[in-house]
Amino acid sequence: MVVLHYTGMSSCDAALERLCDPAAEVSAHYLIREDGEVVALVPEAARAWHAGAGSWGGREDVNSHSIGIEIANTGDAPFAARQIAALEPLLAGILARWSILPERVIAHSDMAPDRKSDPGPRFDWRALARAGLSVWPEAVTAPPDETGFLGALRRFGYPEAMPDQLLRAFRLRFRPWGQGALSAGDMGAALDLARRFPVDGGRSRA
């Protein structure tokens, strides 16, 4: 897998200092500065401590099965065009080297919906999907059904969590404009992703 994060700190330098501080017990394979510079911190074949508690597709120890990319961003600002321009070739190389499919590029909030929100609603997942580096649901609708929605999210890869936490995480990534109760748009998007990209479909390699 590849897990995308925002740093959530005041500056990239502050984030870099924390990522390199053994006492912080946090690390990532790459950090992308505001100007688009890619800083390699941990070899891809080595474990980095970026994901923490959570799971995806039944993988409980995400750190051992993923490459983590931190993008310098406070969490409430748009991502710089230079950062996205740097992220795309970086991701393309990682996916090619490790035979990772686009559906295995996930948000930190996807695997830890009860405690994380990064890279947040300002990150353009649709653009990443258009580049073949992630996935995006078709614009379909279906009658809202919480049980069916949660089942679809599980088939796509989401972990167990409270229904409101899962809806929030799903919307952060796929429907950041969504509000209120589960909608027909939420339901259709979840069913489409589960149908086209089931985590147990025998096609993905973590």
N, C-alpha and C. Protein backbone atom coordinates (compact mmCIF):
# COMPACT_ATOMS: atom_id res chain seq x y z
N MET A 1 0.83 -1.19 0.00
CA MET A 1 0.00 0.00 0.00
C MET A 1 0.87 1.25 0.00
N VAL A 2 0.25 2.35 -0.35
CA VAL A 2 0.86 3.66 -0.14
C VAL A 2 -0.14 4.48 0.68
N VAL A 3 0.32 5.11 1.73
CA VAL A 3 -0.54 5.92 2.59
C VAL A 3 -0.10 7.37 2.47
N LEU A 4 -1.06 8.24 2.14
CA LEU A 4 -0.78 9.67 2.00
C LEU A 4 -1.21 10.42 3.25
N HIS A 5 -0.36 11.36 3.65
CA HIS A 5 -0.59 12.15 4.86
C HIS A 5 -0.37 13.63 4.57
N TYR A 6 -0.94 14.50 5.40
CA TYR A 6 -0.41 15.85 5.51
C TYR A 6 0.34 15.95 6.83
N THR A 7 1.31 16.86 6.90
CA THR A 7 2.13 16.95 8.11
C THR A 7 1.38 17.58 9.27
N GLY A 8 0.47 18.53 8.98
CA GLY A 8 -0.29 19.18 10.03
C GLY A 8 0.56 20.05 10.94
N MET A 9 1.68 20.54 10.43
CA MET A 9 2.57 21.37 11.23
C MET A 9 2.76 22.73 10.58
N SER A 10 3.35 23.65 11.31
CA SER A 10 3.43 25.04 10.86
C SER A 10 4.33 25.22 9.64
N SER A 11 5.30 24.34 9.47
CA SER A 11 6.22 24.44 8.33
C SER A 11 6.79 23.07 8.01
N CYS A 12 7.36 22.97 6.81
CA CYS A 12 7.99 21.71 6.43
C CYS A 12 9.23 21.45 7.28
N ASP A 13 9.97 22.50 7.60
CA ASP A 13 11.17 22.32 8.41
C ASP A 13 10.81 21.75 9.78
N ALA A 14 9.70 22.23 10.36
CA ALA A 14 9.27 21.70 11.66
C ALA A 14 8.88 20.23 11.53
N ALA A 15 8.22 19.90 10.44
CA ALA A 15 7.85 18.50 10.21
C ALA A 15 9.07 17.63 10.01
N LEU A 16 10.04 18.12 9.25
CA LEU A 16 11.26 17.35 9.00
C LEU A 16 12.02 17.10 10.30
N GLU A 17 12.07 18.12 11.15
CA GLU A 17 12.75 17.95 12.44
C GLU A 17 12.08 16.87 13.27
N ARG A 18 10.75 16.85 13.27
CA ARG A 18 10.03 15.84 14.03
C ARG A 18 10.22 14.45 13.44
N LEU A 19 10.17 14.36 12.11
CA LEU A 19 10.33 13.07 11.46
C LEU A 19 11.72 12.47 11.66
N CYS A 20 12.69 13.33 11.95
CA CYS A 20 14.07 12.86 12.16
C CYS A 20 14.45 12.78 13.63
N ASP A 21 13.49 13.01 14.52
CA ASP A 21 13.75 12.98 15.96
C ASP A 21 13.40 11.60 16.51
N PRO A 22 14.39 10.81 16.96
CA PRO A 22 14.09 9.47 17.47
C PRO A 22 13.08 9.48 18.61
N ALA A 23 13.06 10.54 19.40
CA ALA A 23 12.14 10.61 20.54
C ALA A 23 10.69 10.71 20.09
N ALA A 24 10.47 11.22 18.88
CA ALA A 24 9.09 11.37 18.39
C ALA A 24 8.48 10.05 17.96
N GLU A 25 9.33 9.07 17.63
CA GLU A 25 8.88 7.75 17.22
C GLU A 25 7.89 7.81 16.06
N VAL A 26 8.18 8.68 15.09
CA VAL A 26 7.37 8.79 13.89
C VAL A 26 8.31 9.02 12.71
N SER A 27 8.00 8.41 11.58
CA SER A 27 8.85 8.55 10.40
C SER A 27 8.02 8.29 9.16
N ALA A 28 8.58 8.61 8.01
CA ALA A 28 7.91 8.37 6.73
C ALA A 28 8.98 8.11 5.69
N HIS A 29 8.58 7.49 4.61
CA HIS A 29 9.55 7.22 3.55
C HIS A 29 9.90 8.47 2.76
N TYR A 30 8.90 9.34 2.56
CA TYR A 30 9.13 10.57 1.79
C TYR A 30 8.41 11.74 2.43
N LEU A 31 8.98 12.92 2.21
CA LEU A 31 8.35 14.18 2.60
C LEU A 31 8.41 15.10 1.39
N ILE A 32 7.27 15.71 1.04
CA ILE A 32 7.23 16.64 -0.09
C ILE A 32 7.08 18.06 0.45
N ARG A 33 8.08 18.87 0.17
CA ARG A 33 8.08 20.26 0.63
C ARG A 33 7.06 21.09 -0.13
N GLU A 34 6.81 22.30 0.38
CA GLU A 34 5.85 23.20 -0.25
C GLU A 34 6.25 23.56 -1.67
N ASP A 35 7.55 23.61 -1.95
CA ASP A 35 8.03 23.97 -3.29
C ASP A 35 8.13 22.77 -4.23
N GLY A 36 7.74 21.60 -3.76
CA GLY A 36 7.76 20.40 -4.59
C GLY A 36 8.99 19.53 -4.43
N GLU A 37 9.95 19.97 -3.64
CA GLU A 37 11.13 19.12 -3.41
C GLU A 37 10.72 17.87 -2.66
N VAL A 38 11.19 16.72 -3.15
CA VAL A 38 10.92 15.44 -2.51
C VAL A 38 12.12 15.05 -1.66
N VAL A 39 11.91 14.86 -0.37
CA VAL A 39 12.97 14.49 0.56
C VAL A 39 12.78 13.01 0.90
N ALA A 40 13.76 12.19 0.54
CA ALA A 40 13.73 10.77 0.86
C ALA A 40 14.28 10.56 2.26
N LEU A 41 13.50 9.92 3.13
CA LEU A 41 13.88 9.79 4.53
C LEU A 41 14.16 8.34 4.95
N VAL A 42 13.37 7.41 4.45
CA VAL A 42 13.51 6.00 4.82
C VAL A 42 13.51 5.18 3.53
N PRO A 43 14.43 4.22 3.37
CA PRO A 43 14.40 3.37 2.16
C PRO A 43 13.05 2.68 2.00
N GLU A 44 12.59 2.56 0.78
CA GLU A 44 11.27 1.97 0.55
C GLU A 44 11.14 0.56 1.09
N ALA A 45 12.22 -0.20 1.10
CA ALA A 45 12.15 -1.58 1.58
C ALA A 45 12.14 -1.68 3.10
N ALA A 46 12.37 -0.56 3.78
CA ALA A 46 12.41 -0.56 5.24
C ALA A 46 11.08 -0.08 5.80
N ARG A 47 10.80 -0.45 7.03
CA ARG A 47 9.58 -0.04 7.71
C ARG A 47 9.71 1.38 8.23
N ALA A 48 8.71 2.19 8.00
CA ALA A 48 8.64 3.53 8.59
C ALA A 48 7.41 3.58 9.50
N TRP A 49 7.47 4.45 10.48
CA TRP A 49 6.41 4.52 11.50
C TRP A 49 5.51 5.72 11.19
N HIS A 50 4.67 5.57 10.16
CA HIS A 50 3.83 6.67 9.71
C HIS A 50 2.35 6.42 9.90
N ALA A 51 1.93 5.16 9.95
CA ALA A 51 0.51 4.85 9.91
C ALA A 51 -0.13 4.77 11.29
N GLY A 52 0.54 4.12 12.23
CA GLY A 52 -0.04 3.97 13.56
C GLY A 52 -1.17 2.95 13.57
N ALA A 53 -2.00 3.04 14.61
CA ALA A 53 -3.09 2.08 14.79
C ALA A 53 -4.13 2.24 13.69
N GLY A 54 -4.62 1.12 13.21
CA GLY A 54 -5.62 1.11 12.16
C GLY A 54 -5.43 -0.10 11.29
N SER A 55 -6.20 -0.20 10.21
CA SER A 55 -6.04 -1.33 9.30
C SER A 55 -6.64 -0.98 7.95
N TRP A 56 -6.29 -1.78 6.96
CA TRP A 56 -6.87 -1.64 5.63
C TRP A 56 -6.90 -3.01 4.96
N GLY A 57 -8.06 -3.39 4.50
CA GLY A 57 -8.20 -4.67 3.83
C GLY A 57 -7.80 -5.85 4.70
N GLY A 58 -7.99 -5.71 6.00
CA GLY A 58 -7.63 -6.78 6.93
C GLY A 58 -6.20 -6.74 7.40
N ARG A 59 -5.38 -5.84 6.85
CA ARG A 59 -4.00 -5.70 7.30
C ARG A 59 -3.97 -4.83 8.55
N GLU A 60 -3.63 -5.45 9.67
CA GLU A 60 -3.61 -4.71 10.93
C GLU A 60 -2.34 -3.89 11.10
N ASP A 61 -1.22 -4.41 10.64
CA ASP A 61 0.06 -3.72 10.79
C ASP A 61 0.37 -3.01 9.48
N VAL A 62 -0.26 -1.86 9.29
CA VAL A 62 -0.11 -1.14 8.02
C VAL A 62 1.32 -0.68 7.81
N ASN A 63 2.02 -0.32 8.87
CA ASN A 63 3.41 0.12 8.73
C ASN A 63 4.28 -0.91 8.02
N SER A 64 4.01 -2.18 8.25
CA SER A 64 4.84 -3.24 7.66
C SER A 64 4.45 -3.54 6.22
N HIS A 65 3.37 -2.95 5.74
CA HIS A 65 2.88 -3.26 4.41
C HIS A 65 2.63 -2.01 3.58
N SER A 66 3.33 -0.92 3.89
CA SER A 66 3.03 0.31 3.17
C SER A 66 4.23 1.23 3.09
N ILE A 67 4.14 2.14 2.14
CA ILE A 67 5.08 3.25 1.99
C ILE A 67 4.33 4.52 2.34
N GLY A 68 4.90 5.32 3.21
CA GLY A 68 4.24 6.53 3.68
C GLY A 68 4.82 7.79 3.05
N ILE A 69 3.93 8.65 2.57
CA ILE A 69 4.33 9.92 1.97
C ILE A 69 3.68 11.05 2.75
N GLU A 70 4.50 11.90 3.34
CA GLU A 70 4.03 13.09 4.05
C GLU A 70 4.11 14.28 3.11
N ILE A 71 3.04 15.06 3.05
CA ILE A 71 2.99 16.26 2.23
C ILE A 71 2.88 17.46 3.16
N ALA A 72 3.81 18.39 3.06
CA ALA A 72 3.83 19.54 3.95
C ALA A 72 2.57 20.38 3.73
N ASN A 73 1.73 20.42 4.75
CA ASN A 73 0.47 21.15 4.68
C ASN A 73 -0.07 21.25 6.09
N THR A 74 -0.61 22.40 6.44
CA THR A 74 -1.12 22.60 7.80
C THR A 74 -2.41 21.84 8.05
N GLY A 75 -3.08 21.42 6.98
CA GLY A 75 -4.33 20.69 7.15
C GLY A 75 -5.55 21.51 6.79
N ASP A 76 -5.39 22.82 6.68
CA ASP A 76 -6.53 23.68 6.36
C ASP A 76 -6.25 24.59 5.16
N ALA A 77 -5.26 24.22 4.36
CA ALA A 77 -4.87 25.04 3.20
C ALA A 77 -4.83 24.18 1.95
N PRO A 78 -5.02 24.78 0.77
CA PRO A 78 -4.88 24.01 -0.47
C PRO A 78 -3.46 23.46 -0.60
N PHE A 79 -3.34 22.35 -1.30
CA PHE A 79 -2.03 21.79 -1.59
C PHE A 79 -1.44 22.52 -2.78
N ALA A 80 -0.14 22.84 -2.69
CA ALA A 80 0.53 23.58 -3.76
C ALA A 80 0.60 22.74 -5.02
N ALA A 81 0.43 23.41 -6.17
CA ALA A 81 0.50 22.71 -7.46
C ALA A 81 1.83 22.00 -7.63
N ARG A 82 2.91 22.61 -7.13
CA ARG A 82 4.22 21.98 -7.25
C ARG A 82 4.30 20.69 -6.45
N GLN A 83 3.58 20.63 -5.35
CA GLN A 83 3.58 19.40 -4.55
C GLN A 83 2.90 18.26 -5.30
N ILE A 84 1.77 18.55 -5.92
CA ILE A 84 1.06 17.53 -6.67
C ILE A 84 1.86 17.11 -7.90
N ALA A 85 2.52 18.08 -8.53
CA ALA A 85 3.37 17.77 -9.69
C ALA A 85 4.53 16.88 -9.30
N ALA A 86 5.00 16.99 -8.07
CA ALA A 86 6.08 16.12 -7.59
C ALA A 86 5.55 14.78 -7.11
N LEU A 87 4.35 14.79 -6.54
CA LEU A 87 3.76 13.56 -6.01
C LEU A 87 3.47 12.56 -7.12
N GLU A 88 2.97 13.02 -8.25
CA GLU A 88 2.53 12.10 -9.30
C GLU A 88 3.66 11.21 -9.81
N PRO A 89 4.81 11.73 -10.22
CA PRO A 89 5.88 10.82 -10.66
C PRO A 89 6.45 9.98 -9.52
N LEU A 90 6.47 10.52 -8.31
CA LEU A 90 6.93 9.74 -7.16
C LEU A 90 6.03 8.52 -6.97
N LEU A 91 4.71 8.75 -6.99
CA LEU A 91 3.76 7.65 -6.83
C LEU A 91 3.87 6.65 -7.98
N ALA A 92 3.97 7.17 -9.19
CA ALA A 92 4.06 6.28 -10.35
C ALA A 92 5.26 5.34 -10.22
N GLY A 93 6.39 5.85 -9.77
CA GLY A 93 7.57 5.02 -9.59
C GLY A 93 7.39 3.98 -8.51
N ILE A 94 6.78 4.37 -7.40
CA ILE A 94 6.54 3.43 -6.30
C ILE A 94 5.61 2.31 -6.74
N LEU A 95 4.52 2.67 -7.40
CA LEU A 95 3.56 1.66 -7.84
C LEU A 95 4.20 0.68 -8.82
N ALA A 96 5.05 1.20 -9.70
CA ALA A 96 5.71 0.33 -10.67
C ALA A 96 6.72 -0.59 -10.00
N ARG A 97 7.51 -0.05 -9.09
CA ARG A 97 8.56 -0.85 -8.44
C ARG A 97 7.99 -1.96 -7.57
N TRP A 98 6.84 -1.72 -6.93
CA TRP A 98 6.31 -2.66 -5.97
C TRP A 98 5.02 -3.35 -6.43
N SER A 99 4.67 -3.17 -7.69
CA SER A 99 3.46 -3.80 -8.25
C SER A 99 2.23 -3.50 -7.40
N ILE A 100 2.07 -2.23 -7.04
CA ILE A 100 0.93 -1.78 -6.24
C ILE A 100 -0.12 -1.23 -7.19
N LEU A 101 -1.35 -1.68 -7.03
CA LEU A 101 -2.44 -1.18 -7.85
C LEU A 101 -2.98 0.15 -7.31
N PRO A 102 -3.60 0.95 -8.15
CA PRO A 102 -4.06 2.28 -7.72
C PRO A 102 -5.02 2.26 -6.52
N GLU A 103 -5.84 1.19 -6.40
CA GLU A 103 -6.77 1.13 -5.28
C GLU A 103 -6.06 0.92 -3.94
N ARG A 104 -4.78 0.63 -3.99
CA ARG A 104 -4.00 0.48 -2.76
C ARG A 104 -3.29 1.77 -2.37
N VAL A 105 -3.60 2.85 -3.02
CA VAL A 105 -3.14 4.19 -2.59
C VAL A 105 -4.27 4.78 -1.77
N ILE A 106 -4.04 4.96 -0.48
CA ILE A 106 -5.12 5.34 0.43
C ILE A 106 -4.74 6.55 1.27
N ALA A 107 -5.76 7.12 1.89
CA ALA A 107 -5.57 8.21 2.84
C ALA A 107 -5.30 7.65 4.24
N HIS A 108 -4.57 8.42 5.04
CA HIS A 108 -4.39 8.04 6.44
C HIS A 108 -5.75 7.90 7.13
N SER A 109 -6.69 8.78 6.77
CA SER A 109 -8.02 8.73 7.36
C SER A 109 -8.79 7.48 6.94
N ASP A 110 -8.45 6.89 5.79
CA ASP A 110 -9.12 5.65 5.37
C ASP A 110 -8.84 4.52 6.34
N MET A 111 -7.58 4.37 6.74
CA MET A 111 -7.19 3.23 7.57
C MET A 111 -7.37 3.49 9.06
N ALA A 112 -7.58 4.76 9.44
CA ALA A 112 -7.77 5.11 10.85
C ALA A 112 -8.92 6.12 10.96
N PRO A 113 -10.14 5.71 10.56
CA PRO A 113 -11.24 6.67 10.52
C PRO A 113 -11.67 7.22 11.87
N ASP A 114 -11.27 6.54 12.93
CA ASP A 114 -11.66 6.99 14.27
C ASP A 114 -10.74 8.07 14.83
N ARG A 115 -9.60 8.34 14.15
CA ARG A 115 -8.67 9.27 14.76
C ARG A 115 -7.92 10.17 13.78
N LYS A 116 -8.02 9.94 12.48
CA LYS A 116 -7.24 10.73 11.53
C LYS A 116 -8.13 11.37 10.47
N SER A 117 -7.64 12.50 9.91
CA SER A 117 -8.39 13.19 8.86
C SER A 117 -7.52 13.55 7.67
N ASP A 118 -6.26 13.15 7.68
CA ASP A 118 -5.36 13.53 6.59
C ASP A 118 -5.36 12.51 5.45
N PRO A 119 -5.11 12.98 4.22
CA PRO A 119 -4.71 14.34 3.84
C PRO A 119 -5.85 15.35 3.74
N GLY A 120 -7.05 14.98 4.12
CA GLY A 120 -8.12 15.94 4.29
C GLY A 120 -8.90 16.30 3.05
N PRO A 121 -9.94 17.15 3.22
CA PRO A 121 -10.86 17.46 2.13
C PRO A 121 -10.28 18.37 1.06
N ARG A 122 -9.13 18.99 1.30
CA ARG A 122 -8.53 19.87 0.29
C ARG A 122 -7.65 19.11 -0.70
N PHE A 123 -7.40 17.84 -0.43
CA PHE A 123 -6.55 17.05 -1.32
C PHE A 123 -7.38 16.56 -2.51
N ASP A 124 -6.85 16.68 -3.73
CA ASP A 124 -7.60 16.37 -4.94
C ASP A 124 -7.39 14.91 -5.36
N TRP A 125 -8.16 14.02 -4.77
CA TRP A 125 -8.07 12.60 -5.10
C TRP A 125 -8.55 12.32 -6.52
N ARG A 126 -9.51 13.11 -7.00
CA ARG A 126 -10.03 12.89 -8.34
C ARG A 126 -8.93 13.08 -9.39
N ALA A 127 -8.10 14.12 -9.21
CA ALA A 127 -6.99 14.36 -10.14
C ALA A 127 -6.00 13.20 -10.10
N LEU A 128 -5.74 12.68 -8.91
CA LEU A 128 -4.82 11.55 -8.79
C LEU A 128 -5.39 10.33 -9.52
N ALA A 129 -6.69 10.13 -9.41
CA ALA A 129 -7.32 9.00 -10.11
C ALA A 129 -7.26 9.19 -11.62
N ARG A 130 -7.44 10.42 -12.10
CA ARG A 130 -7.35 10.66 -13.54
C ARG A 130 -5.97 10.34 -14.07
N ALA A 131 -4.95 10.47 -13.22
CA ALA A 131 -3.58 10.14 -13.61
C ALA A 131 -3.29 8.65 -13.47
N GLY A 132 -4.29 7.87 -13.05
CA GLY A 132 -4.10 6.43 -12.89
C GLY A 132 -3.36 6.04 -11.63
N LEU A 133 -3.35 6.95 -10.64
CA LEU A 133 -2.56 6.73 -9.43
C LEU A 133 -3.42 6.50 -8.19
N SER A 134 -4.71 6.49 -8.36
CA SER A 134 -5.65 6.17 -7.30
C SER A 134 -6.96 5.80 -7.98
N VAL A 135 -8.05 5.71 -7.23
CA VAL A 135 -9.35 5.37 -7.83
C VAL A 135 -10.40 6.38 -7.42
N TRP A 136 -11.46 6.43 -8.22
CA TRP A 136 -12.56 7.37 -7.97
C TRP A 136 -13.86 6.69 -8.37
N PRO A 137 -14.94 6.89 -7.60
CA PRO A 137 -16.20 6.21 -7.92
C PRO A 137 -16.92 6.85 -9.08
N GLU A 138 -17.72 6.04 -9.77
CA GLU A 138 -18.62 6.55 -10.79
C GLU A 138 -19.74 7.36 -10.12
N ALA A 139 -20.30 8.31 -10.85
CA ALA A 139 -21.38 9.16 -10.32
C ALA A 139 -22.70 8.42 -10.43
N VAL A 140 -22.93 7.48 -9.52
CA VAL A 140 -24.17 6.71 -9.50
C VAL A 140 -24.84 6.90 -8.15
N THR A 141 -26.12 6.61 -8.08
CA THR A 141 -26.86 6.71 -6.83
C THR A 141 -27.56 5.40 -6.53
N ALA A 142 -27.88 5.20 -5.26
CA ALA A 142 -28.61 4.02 -4.82
C ALA A 142 -29.35 4.38 -3.54
N PRO A 143 -30.46 3.71 -3.25
CA PRO A 143 -31.19 4.02 -2.02
C PRO A 143 -30.30 3.86 -0.79
N PRO A 144 -30.26 4.86 0.09
CA PRO A 144 -29.40 4.76 1.28
C PRO A 144 -29.80 3.58 2.17
N ASP A 145 -28.81 2.85 2.58
CA ASP A 145 -29.01 1.71 3.48
C ASP A 145 -27.73 1.55 4.29
N GLU A 146 -27.78 1.82 5.58
CA GLU A 146 -26.56 1.84 6.38
C GLU A 146 -25.86 0.49 6.38
N THR A 147 -26.60 -0.59 6.52
CA THR A 147 -25.98 -1.92 6.53
C THR A 147 -25.26 -2.20 5.21
N GLY A 148 -25.92 -1.88 4.12
CA GLY A 148 -25.30 -2.08 2.82
C GLY A 148 -24.11 -1.18 2.60
N PHE A 149 -24.20 0.05 3.10
CA PHE A 149 -23.09 1.00 2.98
C PHE A 149 -21.86 0.49 3.72
N LEU A 150 -22.06 0.06 4.96
CA LEU A 150 -20.94 -0.44 5.75
C LEU A 150 -20.35 -1.70 5.14
N GLY A 151 -21.20 -2.57 4.59
CA GLY A 151 -20.69 -3.76 3.93
C GLY A 151 -19.86 -3.44 2.70
N ALA A 152 -20.30 -2.42 1.94
CA ALA A 152 -19.55 -2.01 0.76
C ALA A 152 -18.19 -1.44 1.15
N LEU A 153 -18.17 -0.65 2.21
CA LEU A 153 -16.89 -0.09 2.67
C LEU A 153 -15.94 -1.19 3.10
N ARG A 154 -16.45 -2.22 3.75
CA ARG A 154 -15.60 -3.33 4.15
C ARG A 154 -15.03 -4.05 2.93
N ARG A 155 -15.86 -4.25 1.91
CA ARG A 155 -15.38 -4.92 0.70
C ARG A 155 -14.32 -4.10 -0.01
N PHE A 156 -14.41 -2.79 0.09
CA PHE A 156 -13.42 -1.92 -0.53
C PHE A 156 -12.12 -1.90 0.27
N GLY A 157 -12.21 -2.10 1.60
CA GLY A 157 -11.00 -2.15 2.41
C GLY A 157 -11.08 -1.47 3.75
N TYR A 158 -12.12 -0.66 3.99
CA TYR A 158 -12.20 0.08 5.25
C TYR A 158 -12.26 -0.85 6.45
N PRO A 159 -11.72 -0.41 7.59
CA PRO A 159 -11.74 -1.23 8.80
C PRO A 159 -13.06 -1.09 9.56
N GLU A 160 -13.19 -1.84 10.62
CA GLU A 160 -14.32 -1.69 11.53
C GLU A 160 -14.21 -0.36 12.25
N ALA A 161 -15.32 0.36 12.36
CA ALA A 161 -15.37 1.63 13.10
C ALA A 161 -16.83 1.98 13.26
N MET A 162 -17.10 3.03 14.03
CA MET A 162 -18.46 3.49 14.19
C MET A 162 -18.98 4.01 12.85
N PRO A 163 -20.28 3.79 12.58
CA PRO A 163 -20.83 4.22 11.28
C PRO A 163 -20.59 5.69 10.96
N ASP A 164 -20.72 6.58 11.95
CA ASP A 164 -20.52 8.00 11.67
C ASP A 164 -19.06 8.30 11.34
N GLN A 165 -18.13 7.56 11.95
CA GLN A 165 -16.71 7.74 11.66
C GLN A 165 -16.38 7.28 10.25
N LEU A 166 -16.97 6.16 9.84
CA LEU A 166 -16.73 5.64 8.50
C LEU A 166 -17.32 6.56 7.43
N LEU A 167 -18.51 7.08 7.69
CA LEU A 167 -19.12 8.01 6.73
C LEU A 167 -18.25 9.26 6.60
N ARG A 168 -17.75 9.76 7.72
CA ARG A 168 -16.89 10.95 7.69
C ARG A 168 -15.63 10.68 6.89
N ALA A 169 -14.97 9.53 7.14
CA ALA A 169 -13.74 9.20 6.43
C ALA A 169 -14.00 9.02 4.94
N PHE A 170 -15.10 8.36 4.60
CA PHE A 170 -15.44 8.13 3.20
C PHE A 170 -15.66 9.46 2.49
N ARG A 171 -16.38 10.37 3.15
CA ARG A 171 -16.64 11.67 2.55
C ARG A 171 -15.38 12.53 2.46
N LEU A 172 -14.49 12.44 3.44
CA LEU A 172 -13.25 13.19 3.37
C LEU A 172 -12.51 12.91 2.08
N ARG A 173 -12.56 11.67 1.65
CA ARG A 173 -11.82 11.29 0.46
C ARG A 173 -12.63 11.40 -0.83
N PHE A 174 -13.88 10.91 -0.81
CA PHE A 174 -14.63 10.78 -2.06
C PHE A 174 -15.77 11.78 -2.24
N ARG A 175 -16.28 12.34 -1.15
CA ARG A 175 -17.41 13.26 -1.25
C ARG A 175 -17.29 14.36 -0.20
N PRO A 176 -16.23 15.20 -0.29
CA PRO A 176 -15.98 16.21 0.76
C PRO A 176 -17.08 17.26 0.87
N TRP A 177 -17.94 17.34 -0.12
CA TRP A 177 -19.06 18.27 -0.07
C TRP A 177 -20.26 17.68 0.67
N GLY A 178 -20.23 16.40 0.99
CA GLY A 178 -21.37 15.74 1.60
C GLY A 178 -21.63 16.20 3.02
N GLN A 179 -22.89 16.28 3.38
CA GLN A 179 -23.29 16.67 4.72
C GLN A 179 -24.52 15.87 5.15
N GLY A 180 -24.73 15.82 6.45
CA GLY A 180 -25.94 15.19 6.96
C GLY A 180 -25.89 13.68 6.91
N ALA A 181 -27.08 13.10 6.85
CA ALA A 181 -27.22 11.64 6.89
C ALA A 181 -26.71 11.01 5.60
N LEU A 182 -26.50 9.71 5.65
CA LEU A 182 -26.10 8.94 4.48
C LEU A 182 -27.03 9.25 3.31
N SER A 183 -26.44 9.58 2.16
CA SER A 183 -27.22 9.99 1.00
C SER A 183 -27.17 8.93 -0.10
N ALA A 184 -28.00 9.13 -1.12
CA ALA A 184 -27.99 8.24 -2.27
C ALA A 184 -26.67 8.30 -3.01
N GLY A 185 -26.03 9.49 -3.01
CA GLY A 185 -24.73 9.62 -3.64
C GLY A 185 -23.65 8.86 -2.90
N ASP A 186 -23.67 8.95 -1.57
CA ASP A 186 -22.72 8.18 -0.76
C ASP A 186 -22.89 6.69 -1.03
N MET A 187 -24.15 6.25 -1.04
CA MET A 187 -24.44 4.84 -1.20
C MET A 187 -23.98 4.34 -2.56
N GLY A 188 -24.30 5.08 -3.60
CA GLY A 188 -23.90 4.66 -4.94
C GLY A 188 -22.40 4.61 -5.11
N ALA A 189 -21.71 5.60 -4.56
CA ALA A 189 -20.25 5.64 -4.67
C ALA A 189 -19.62 4.45 -3.96
N ALA A 190 -20.11 4.14 -2.76
CA ALA A 190 -19.56 3.02 -2.00
C ALA A 190 -19.79 1.69 -2.73
N LEU A 191 -20.99 1.49 -3.26
CA LEU A 191 -21.28 0.25 -3.97
C LEU A 191 -20.43 0.11 -5.22
N ASP A 192 -20.22 1.22 -5.92
CA ASP A 192 -19.40 1.18 -7.14
C ASP A 192 -17.96 0.80 -6.82
N LEU A 193 -17.38 1.41 -5.78
CA LEU A 193 -16.00 1.10 -5.40
C LEU A 193 -15.87 -0.36 -4.96
N ALA A 194 -16.86 -0.84 -4.19
CA ALA A 194 -16.81 -2.23 -3.73
C ALA A 194 -16.92 -3.20 -4.89
N ARG A 195 -17.71 -2.85 -5.90
CA ARG A 195 -17.88 -3.73 -7.06
C ARG A 195 -16.64 -3.77 -7.93
N ARG A 196 -16.04 -2.61 -8.17
CA ARG A 196 -14.91 -2.56 -9.11
C ARG A 196 -13.57 -2.84 -8.46
N PHE A 197 -13.45 -2.54 -7.15
CA PHE A 197 -12.14 -2.67 -6.49
C PHE A 197 -12.25 -3.41 -5.17
N PRO A 198 -12.80 -4.62 -5.14
CA PRO A 198 -12.89 -5.36 -3.88
C PRO A 198 -11.50 -5.71 -3.37
N VAL A 199 -11.29 -5.48 -2.09
CA VAL A 199 -9.95 -5.69 -1.54
C VAL A 199 -9.56 -7.15 -1.56
N ASP A 200 -10.53 -8.05 -1.58
CA ASP A 200 -10.26 -9.50 -1.60
C ASP A 200 -10.45 -10.06 -3.00
N GLY A 201 -10.33 -9.21 -4.01
CA GLY A 201 -10.58 -9.67 -5.37
C GLY A 201 -9.47 -10.48 -5.97
N GLY A 202 -8.37 -10.69 -5.22
CA GLY A 202 -7.29 -11.53 -5.69
C GLY A 202 -6.38 -10.85 -6.69
N ARG A 203 -6.51 -9.50 -6.80
CA ARG A 203 -5.71 -8.80 -7.79
C ARG A 203 -4.64 -7.93 -7.15
N SER A 204 -4.81 -7.58 -5.87
CA SER A 204 -3.91 -6.64 -5.23
C SER A 204 -2.79 -7.34 -4.49
N ARG A 205 -1.64 -6.70 -4.47
CA ARG A 205 -0.52 -7.17 -3.67
C ARG A 205 -0.15 -6.07 -2.70
N ALA A 206 -0.20 -6.37 -1.39
CA ALA A 206 0.12 -5.37 -0.37
C ALA A 206 1.60 -5.40 -0.08
